[in-house]
């Protein structure tokens, strides 16, 4: 099956080479050279992958990544950047990028990363489909109600505005109350693979999730810390 890939890259030479490599992979590619137009196309189109440059005119790649991760539909993102600092890499991953490629890169390396992202996406989709067939689709705990089919969470009857990854994280916790999960396990199970060394990405998502579902985020009922180990889902206190 042909995959649809959106490439948002303002360097015409790099964009042309990436498009040629995508054609070799039997992908249907579209190239856009600025961030604002790229975001609009991402939001209106149905793509299997977005290859996203970090430094773009009008709107940078990090802002685009942040916006895309507020949507319920999860589209894999491979970020390209001329920057190689740890901070840039961490920011990209924490905002929801699936992989990161630093310029200059070879087309063989790009092809390998694209194939790996597709494999992970297929694996995650298959795993989610299998779980959906066998697991409870309506979860209730205290005042929290999670409807997996509707991709909806309610707290005391009021909708909770969650990103796609925050919702996946909440569902994973709620389906195994009391079980302790390490950060590495959460990365593997919720993100679909491991970003070795970036377990603090989990911390950031959990902090944002707590701010949305906990009555007192500093003293959480649902997403509880197990010091020195990880996190668990607990029943709210009376």
C-alpha atoms as a PDB file:
ATOM      1  CA  UNK A   1       0.000   0.000   0.000  1.00  0.00           C
ATOM      2  CA  UNK A   2       1.352   3.414  -0.993  1.00  0.00           C
ATOM      3  CA  UNK A   3       2.172   5.642   1.970  1.00  0.00           C
ATOM      4  CA  UNK A   4       1.446   9.369   1.844  1.00  0.00           C
ATOM      5  CA  UNK A   5       4.272  11.536   3.184  1.00  0.00           C
ATOM      6  CA  UNK A   6       4.300  15.294   3.672  1.00  0.00           C
ATOM      7  CA  UNK A   7       7.736  16.930   3.563  1.00  0.00           C
ATOM      8  CA  UNK A   8       7.991  20.427   5.092  1.00  0.00           C
ATOM      9  CA  UNK A   9      11.486  21.644   4.146  1.00  0.00           C
ATOM     10  CA  UNK A  10      12.582  25.078   2.892  1.00  0.00           C
ATOM     11  CA  UNK A  11      15.932  23.991   1.406  1.00  0.00           C
ATOM     12  CA  UNK A  12      15.075  23.114  -2.226  1.00  0.00           C
ATOM     13  CA  UNK A  13      18.069  20.795  -2.701  1.00  0.00           C
ATOM     14  CA  UNK A  14      17.324  18.773   0.438  1.00  0.00           C
ATOM     15  CA  UNK A  15      13.625  18.747  -0.383  1.00  0.00           C
ATOM     16  CA  UNK A  16      14.291  17.401  -3.888  1.00  0.00           C
ATOM     17  CA  UNK A  17      16.581  14.648  -2.589  1.00  0.00           C
ATOM     18  CA  UNK A  18      14.093  13.626   0.093  1.00  0.00           C
ATOM     19  CA  UNK A  19      11.301  13.438  -2.481  1.00  0.00           C
ATOM     20  CA  UNK A  20      13.464  11.264  -4.762  1.00  0.00           C
ATOM     21  CA  UNK A  21      14.206   8.911  -1.844  1.00  0.00           C
ATOM     22  CA  UNK A  22      10.523   8.688  -0.941  1.00  0.00           C
ATOM     23  CA  UNK A  23       9.722   7.720  -4.525  1.00  0.00           C
ATOM     24  CA  UNK A  24      12.290   4.919  -4.212  1.00  0.00           C
ATOM     25  CA  UNK A  25      10.347   3.729  -1.157  1.00  0.00           C
ATOM     26  CA  UNK A  26       7.079   3.737  -3.163  1.00  0.00           C
ATOM     27  CA  UNK A  27       5.759   6.662  -1.129  1.00  0.00           C
ATOM     28  CA  UNK A  28       3.541   9.421  -2.466  1.00  0.00           C
ATOM     29  CA  UNK A  29       5.285  12.610  -1.346  1.00  0.00           C
ATOM     30  CA  UNK A  30       4.285  16.259  -1.234  1.00  0.00           C
ATOM     31  CA  UNK A  31       6.823  19.048  -0.628  1.00  0.00           C
ATOM     32  CA  UNK A  32       5.981  22.348   1.095  1.00  0.00           C
ATOM     33  CA  UNK A  33       8.558  25.036   1.827  1.00  0.00           C
ATOM     34  CA  UNK A  34       7.110  27.103   4.700  1.00  0.00           C
ATOM     35  CA  UNK A  35       5.698  26.364   8.124  1.00  0.00           C
ATOM     36  CA  UNK A  36       2.290  28.027   7.902  1.00  0.00           C
ATOM     37  CA  UNK A  37       1.339  26.285   4.652  1.00  0.00           C
ATOM     38  CA  UNK A  38       2.858  23.050   5.960  1.00  0.00           C
ATOM     39  CA  UNK A  39       0.750  23.115   9.128  1.00  0.00           C
ATOM     40  CA  UNK A  40      -2.425  23.804   7.159  1.00  0.00           C
ATOM     41  CA  UNK A  41      -1.697  20.852   4.870  1.00  0.00           C
ATOM     42  CA  UNK A  42      -0.886  18.603   7.843  1.00  0.00           C
ATOM     43  CA  UNK A  43      -4.199  19.472   9.456  1.00  0.00           C
ATOM     44  CA  UNK A  44      -6.291  19.098   6.310  1.00  0.00           C
ATOM     45  CA  UNK A  45      -4.598  16.069   4.778  1.00  0.00           C
ATOM     46  CA  UNK A  46      -4.401  12.433   5.761  1.00  0.00           C
ATOM     47  CA  UNK A  47      -0.715  11.526   5.869  1.00  0.00           C
ATOM     48  CA  UNK A  48       1.130   8.439   7.068  1.00  0.00           C
ATOM     49  CA  UNK A  49       4.245  10.471   7.951  1.00  0.00           C
ATOM     50  CA  UNK A  50       5.347  14.101   8.218  1.00  0.00           C
ATOM     51  CA  UNK A  51       9.032  14.839   7.586  1.00  0.00           C
ATOM     52  CA  UNK A  52       9.466  18.177   9.290  1.00  0.00           C
ATOM     53  CA  UNK A  53      12.389  20.595   9.203  1.00  0.00           C
ATOM     54  CA  UNK A  54      13.091  22.376  12.487  1.00  0.00           C
ATOM     55  CA  UNK A  55      14.012  25.789  11.043  1.00  0.00           C
ATOM     56  CA  UNK A  56      11.262  26.987   8.697  1.00  0.00           C
ATOM     57  CA  UNK A  57      10.050  30.395   7.523  1.00  0.00           C
ATOM     58  CA  UNK A  58       6.857  31.799   9.118  1.00  0.00           C
ATOM     59  CA  UNK A  59       6.407  28.939  11.611  1.00  0.00           C
ATOM     60  CA  UNK A  60       9.105  26.627  12.961  1.00  0.00           C
ATOM     61  CA  UNK A  61       8.983  22.854  13.189  1.00  0.00           C
ATOM     62  CA  UNK A  62       8.638  22.727  16.969  1.00  0.00           C
ATOM     63  CA  UNK A  63       5.488  24.873  16.840  1.00  0.00           C
ATOM     64  CA  UNK A  64       4.051  22.668  14.097  1.00  0.00           C
ATOM     65  CA  UNK A  65       4.865  19.529  16.094  1.00  0.00           C
ATOM     66  CA  UNK A  66       3.181  20.992  19.180  1.00  0.00           C
ATOM     67  CA  UNK A  67       0.033  21.819  17.218  1.00  0.00           C
ATOM     68  CA  UNK A  68      -0.173  18.402  15.557  1.00  0.00           C
ATOM     69  CA  UNK A  69       0.094  16.652  18.899  1.00  0.00           C
ATOM     70  CA  UNK A  70      -3.054  18.383  20.141  1.00  0.00           C
ATOM     71  CA  UNK A  71      -5.081  16.426  17.553  1.00  0.00           C
ATOM     72  CA  UNK A  72      -6.753  13.118  18.267  1.00  0.00           C
ATOM     73  CA  UNK A  73      -5.350  11.559  15.066  1.00  0.00           C
ATOM     74  CA  UNK A  74      -1.727  10.540  15.588  1.00  0.00           C
ATOM     75  CA  UNK A  75       0.557  11.120  12.595  1.00  0.00           C
ATOM     76  CA  UNK A  76       4.219  10.031  12.948  1.00  0.00           C
ATOM     77  CA  UNK A  77       6.735  12.897  12.710  1.00  0.00           C
ATOM     78  CA  UNK A  78      10.373  12.631  11.627  1.00  0.00           C
ATOM     79  CA  UNK A  79      12.183  15.877  12.411  1.00  0.00           C
ATOM     80  CA  UNK A  80      15.116  17.202  10.374  1.00  0.00           C
ATOM     81  CA  UNK A  81      17.464  19.812  11.750  1.00  0.00           C
ATOM     82  CA  UNK A  82      20.811  21.433  11.165  1.00  0.00           C
ATOM     83  CA  UNK A  83      21.133  21.724  14.944  1.00  0.00           C
ATOM     84  CA  UNK A  84      22.635  18.858  16.902  1.00  0.00           C
ATOM     85  CA  UNK A  85      22.404  20.107  20.484  1.00  0.00           C
ATOM     86  CA  UNK A  86      20.889  17.919  23.180  1.00  0.00           C
ATOM     87  CA  UNK A  87      18.350  20.631  23.991  1.00  0.00           C
ATOM     88  CA  UNK A  88      16.925  20.685  20.474  1.00  0.00           C
ATOM     89  CA  UNK A  89      16.667  16.906  20.403  1.00  0.00           C
ATOM     90  CA  UNK A  90      14.951  16.771  23.785  1.00  0.00           C
ATOM     91  CA  UNK A  91      12.493  19.512  22.821  1.00  0.00           C
ATOM     92  CA  UNK A  92      11.563  17.694  19.634  1.00  0.00           C
ATOM     93  CA  UNK A  93      10.981  14.410  21.419  1.00  0.00           C
ATOM     94  CA  UNK A  94       9.058  15.952  24.301  1.00  0.00           C
ATOM     95  CA  UNK A  95       6.739  17.715  21.869  1.00  0.00           C
ATOM     96  CA  UNK A  96       5.946  14.388  20.244  1.00  0.00           C
ATOM     97  CA  UNK A  97       8.386  13.790  17.385  1.00  0.00           C
ATOM     98  CA  UNK A  98       8.828  10.087  16.640  1.00  0.00           C
ATOM     99  CA  UNK A  99      12.415  10.327  15.447  1.00  0.00           C
ATOM    100  CA  UNK A 100      15.126  12.884  14.848  1.00  0.00           C
ATOM    101  CA  UNK A 101      17.668  13.202  12.007  1.00  0.00           C
ATOM    102  CA  UNK A 102      20.489  15.765  12.066  1.00  0.00           C
ATOM    103  CA  UNK A 103      21.793  17.376   8.881  1.00  0.00           C
ATOM    104  CA  UNK A 104      23.834  16.486   6.946  1.00  0.00           C
ATOM    105  CA  UNK A 105      22.468  12.965   6.559  1.00  0.00           C
ATOM    106  CA  UNK A 106      22.691  10.320   3.872  1.00  0.00           C
ATOM    107  CA  UNK A 107      19.681   9.216   1.865  1.00  0.00           C
ATOM    108  CA  UNK A 108      20.308   5.653   3.042  1.00  0.00           C
ATOM    109  CA  UNK A 109      20.008   6.804   6.651  1.00  0.00           C
ATOM    110  CA  UNK A 110      16.825   8.708   5.823  1.00  0.00           C
ATOM    111  CA  UNK A 111      15.362   5.617   4.151  1.00  0.00           C
ATOM    112  CA  UNK A 112      16.223   3.491   7.199  1.00  0.00           C
ATOM    113  CA  UNK A 113      14.583   5.988   9.573  1.00  0.00           C
ATOM    114  CA  UNK A 114      11.444   6.268   7.435  1.00  0.00           C
ATOM    115  CA  UNK A 115      11.101   2.475   7.270  1.00  0.00           C
ATOM    116  CA  UNK A 116      11.622   2.223  11.038  1.00  0.00           C
ATOM    117  CA  UNK A 117       8.922   4.828  11.732  1.00  0.00           C
ATOM    118  CA  UNK A 118       6.484   2.950   9.477  1.00  0.00           C
ATOM    119  CA  UNK A 119       7.281  -0.349  11.218  1.00  0.00           C
ATOM    120  CA  UNK A 120       6.681   1.172  14.644  1.00  0.00           C
ATOM    121  CA  UNK A 121       3.445   2.817  13.488  1.00  0.00           C
ATOM    122  CA  UNK A 122       2.186  -0.470  12.011  1.00  0.00           C
ATOM    123  CA  UNK A 123       3.142  -2.359  15.169  1.00  0.00           C
ATOM    124  CA  UNK A 124       1.436   0.197  17.398  1.00  0.00           C
ATOM    125  CA  UNK A 125      -1.700   0.225  15.254  1.00  0.00           C
ATOM    126  CA  UNK A 126      -1.902  -3.572  15.281  1.00  0.00           C
ATOM    127  CA  UNK A 127      -1.338  -3.682  19.033  1.00  0.00           C
ATOM    128  CA  UNK A 128      -4.025  -1.069  19.636  1.00  0.00           C
ATOM    129  CA  UNK A 129      -6.472  -2.939  17.406  1.00  0.00           C
ATOM    130  CA  UNK A 130      -5.802  -6.178  19.301  1.00  0.00           C
ATOM    131  CA  UNK A 131      -6.268  -4.456  22.630  1.00  0.00           C
ATOM    132  CA  UNK A 132      -9.470  -2.798  21.464  1.00  0.00           C
ATOM    133  CA  UNK A 133     -10.892  -6.207  20.571  1.00  0.00           C
ATOM    134  CA  UNK A 134     -10.134  -7.686  23.981  1.00  0.00           C
ATOM    135  CA  UNK A 135     -10.138  -4.882  26.502  1.00  0.00           C
ATOM    136  CA  UNK A 136     -12.732  -2.808  28.232  1.00  0.00           C
ATOM    137  CA  UNK A 137     -13.681   0.289  26.244  1.00  0.00           C
ATOM    138  CA  UNK A 138     -15.304   2.204  29.110  1.00  0.00           C
ATOM    139  CA  UNK A 139     -13.226   2.809  32.236  1.00  0.00           C
ATOM    140  CA  UNK A 140     -14.460   4.549  35.383  1.00  0.00           C
ATOM    141  CA  UNK A 141     -12.509   5.477  38.502  1.00  0.00           C
ATOM    142  CA  UNK A 142     -13.915   7.929  41.002  1.00  0.00           C
ATOM    143  CA  UNK A 143     -15.088  10.963  39.067  1.00  0.00           C
ATOM    144  CA  UNK A 144     -13.026  10.018  36.007  1.00  0.00           C
ATOM    145  CA  UNK A 145     -14.758   8.365  33.054  1.00  0.00           C
ATOM    146  CA  UNK A 146     -12.767   7.270  29.975  1.00  0.00           C
ATOM    147  CA  UNK A 147     -14.542   6.240  26.768  1.00  0.00           C
ATOM    148  CA  UNK A 148     -11.888   4.617  24.585  1.00  0.00           C
ATOM    149  CA  UNK A 149     -14.087   4.268  21.500  1.00  0.00           C
ATOM    150  CA  UNK A 150     -15.055   7.938  21.567  1.00  0.00           C
ATOM    151  CA  UNK A 151     -11.508   8.980  22.538  1.00  0.00           C
ATOM    152  CA  UNK A 152     -13.076  11.010  25.336  1.00  0.00           C
ATOM    153  CA  UNK A 153     -12.309  11.611  29.006  1.00  0.00           C
ATOM    154  CA  UNK A 154     -14.695  13.219  31.484  1.00  0.00           C
ATOM    155  CA  UNK A 155     -13.903  14.438  34.981  1.00  0.00           C
ATOM    156  CA  UNK A 156     -16.987  14.937  37.173  1.00  0.00           C
ATOM    157  CA  UNK A 157     -19.029  14.991  33.973  1.00  0.00           C
ATOM    158  CA  UNK A 158     -16.942  17.691  32.288  1.00  0.00           C
ATOM    159  CA  UNK A 159     -14.791  16.984  29.192  1.00  0.00           C
ATOM    160  CA  UNK A 160     -11.017  16.943  29.701  1.00  0.00           C
ATOM    161  CA  UNK A 161      -9.011  18.374  26.790  1.00  0.00           C
ATOM    162  CA  UNK A 162      -6.213  15.836  26.221  1.00  0.00           C
ATOM    163  CA  UNK A 163      -3.696  15.459  23.418  1.00  0.00           C
ATOM    164  CA  UNK A 164      -3.575  12.097  21.624  1.00  0.00           C
ATOM    165  CA  UNK A 165      -0.512  10.985  23.592  1.00  0.00           C
ATOM    166  CA  UNK A 166      -1.905  12.186  26.936  1.00  0.00           C
ATOM    167  CA  UNK A 167      -5.086  10.176  26.267  1.00  0.00           C
ATOM    168  CA  UNK A 168      -3.091   7.053  25.345  1.00  0.00           C
ATOM    169  CA  UNK A 169      -1.032   7.445  28.508  1.00  0.00           C
ATOM    170  CA  UNK A 170      -4.140   7.839  30.686  1.00  0.00           C
ATOM    171  CA  UNK A 171      -5.804   4.768  29.134  1.00  0.00           C
ATOM    172  CA  UNK A 172      -2.673   2.676  29.646  1.00  0.00           C
ATOM    173  CA  UNK A 173      -2.545   3.642  33.326  1.00  0.00           C
ATOM    174  CA  UNK A 174      -6.274   3.208  33.914  1.00  0.00           C
ATOM    175  CA  UNK A 175      -6.328  -0.299  32.416  1.00  0.00           C
ATOM    176  CA  UNK A 176      -3.872  -1.567  35.026  1.00  0.00           C
ATOM    177  CA  UNK A 177      -4.710   0.149  38.339  1.00  0.00           C
ATOM    178  CA  UNK A 178      -2.179  -0.437  41.072  1.00  0.00           C
ATOM    179  CA  UNK A 179       0.508  -1.724  38.708  1.00  0.00           C
ATOM    180  CA  UNK A 180       3.789   0.197  38.851  1.00  0.00           C
ATOM    181  CA  UNK A 181       5.308   1.247  35.507  1.00  0.00           C
ATOM    182  CA  UNK A 182       8.858   2.484  35.000  1.00  0.00           C
ATOM    183  CA  UNK A 183       9.502   5.400  32.643  1.00  0.00           C
ATOM    184  CA  UNK A 184      11.234   3.066  30.196  1.00  0.00           C
ATOM    185  CA  UNK A 185       8.203   0.744  30.183  1.00  0.00           C
ATOM    186  CA  UNK A 186       5.848   3.654  29.546  1.00  0.00           C
ATOM    187  CA  UNK A 187       7.983   4.857  26.626  1.00  0.00           C
ATOM    188  CA  UNK A 188       7.972   1.394  25.129  1.00  0.00           C
ATOM    189  CA  UNK A 189       4.273   0.672  25.643  1.00  0.00           C
ATOM    190  CA  UNK A 190       2.689   4.090  25.026  1.00  0.00           C
ATOM    191  CA  UNK A 191       5.083   5.643  22.554  1.00  0.00           C
ATOM    192  CA  UNK A 192       5.621   2.300  20.827  1.00  0.00           C
ATOM    193  CA  UNK A 193       9.404   2.192  21.217  1.00  0.00           C
ATOM    194  CA  UNK A 194      12.173   3.431  23.467  1.00  0.00           C
ATOM    195  CA  UNK A 195      14.021   6.734  23.313  1.00  0.00           C
ATOM    196  CA  UNK A 196      16.973   5.605  25.418  1.00  0.00           C
ATOM    197  CA  UNK A 197      18.013   8.434  27.713  1.00  0.00           C
ATOM    198  CA  UNK A 198      14.801  10.423  27.237  1.00  0.00           C
ATOM    199  CA  UNK A 199      12.668   8.977  30.016  1.00  0.00           C
ATOM    200  CA  UNK A 200      12.113  12.555  31.263  1.00  0.00           C
ATOM    201  CA  UNK A 201       9.754  12.920  28.271  1.00  0.00           C
ATOM    202  CA  UNK A 202       7.383  10.719  30.299  1.00  0.00           C
ATOM    203  CA  UNK A 203       7.716  13.091  33.263  1.00  0.00           C
ATOM    204  CA  UNK A 204       6.661  16.062  31.124  1.00  0.00           C
ATOM    205  CA  UNK A 205       3.561  14.285  29.797  1.00  0.00           C
ATOM    206  CA  UNK A 206       2.593  13.056  33.264  1.00  0.00           C
ATOM    207  CA  UNK A 207       2.916  16.569  34.711  1.00  0.00           C
ATOM    208  CA  UNK A 208       0.636  17.951  31.999  1.00  0.00           C
ATOM    209  CA  UNK A 209      -1.815  15.073  32.487  1.00  0.00           C
ATOM    210  CA  UNK A 210      -1.924  15.656  36.234  1.00  0.00           C
ATOM    211  CA  UNK A 211      -2.667  19.340  35.703  1.00  0.00           C
ATOM    212  CA  UNK A 212      -5.726  18.319  33.680  1.00  0.00           C
ATOM    213  CA  UNK A 213      -7.219  15.450  35.703  1.00  0.00           C
ATOM    214  CA  UNK A 214      -6.062  15.902  39.301  1.00  0.00           C
ATOM    215  CA  UNK A 215      -7.945  18.097  41.721  1.00  0.00           C
ATOM    216  CA  UNK A 216      -4.612  18.747  43.450  1.00  0.00           C
ATOM    217  CA  UNK A 217      -1.724  18.028  41.013  1.00  0.00           C
ATOM    218  CA  UNK A 218       0.778  18.318  43.860  1.00  0.00           C
ATOM    219  CA  UNK A 219      -1.003  15.556  45.758  1.00  0.00           C
ATOM    220  CA  UNK A 220      -2.372  13.359  42.943  1.00  0.00           C
ATOM    221  CA  UNK A 221      -5.102  10.758  43.317  1.00  0.00           C
ATOM    222  CA  UNK A 222      -4.871   9.088  39.916  1.00  0.00           C
ATOM    223  CA  UNK A 223      -1.303   9.248  38.569  1.00  0.00           C
ATOM    224  CA  UNK A 224       0.769   8.488  41.653  1.00  0.00           C
ATOM    225  CA  UNK A 225       4.556   8.491  41.933  1.00  0.00           C
ATOM    226  CA  UNK A 226       6.277   5.408  43.326  1.00  0.00           C
ATOM    227  CA  UNK A 227       9.589   6.871  44.387  1.00  0.00           C
ATOM    228  CA  UNK A 228      12.650   5.277  42.856  1.00  0.00           C
ATOM    229  CA  UNK A 229      10.541   3.119  40.522  1.00  0.00           C
ATOM    230  CA  UNK A 230       7.988   4.971  38.413  1.00  0.00           C
ATOM    231  CA  UNK A 231       4.234   5.610  38.447  1.00  0.00           C
ATOM    232  CA  UNK A 232       0.953   3.822  39.069  1.00  0.00           C
ATOM    233  CA  UNK A 233      -2.759   4.497  38.677  1.00  0.00           C
ATOM    234  CA  UNK A 234      -4.580   4.721  42.001  1.00  0.00           C
ATOM    235  CA  UNK A 235      -8.176   5.051  43.074  1.00  0.00           C
ATOM    236  CA  UNK A 236      -9.033   8.574  44.281  1.00  0.00           C
ATOM    237  CA  UNK A 237      -9.144   9.115  48.022  1.00  0.00           C
ATOM    238  CA  UNK A 238     -12.564   9.717  49.613  1.00  0.00           C
END
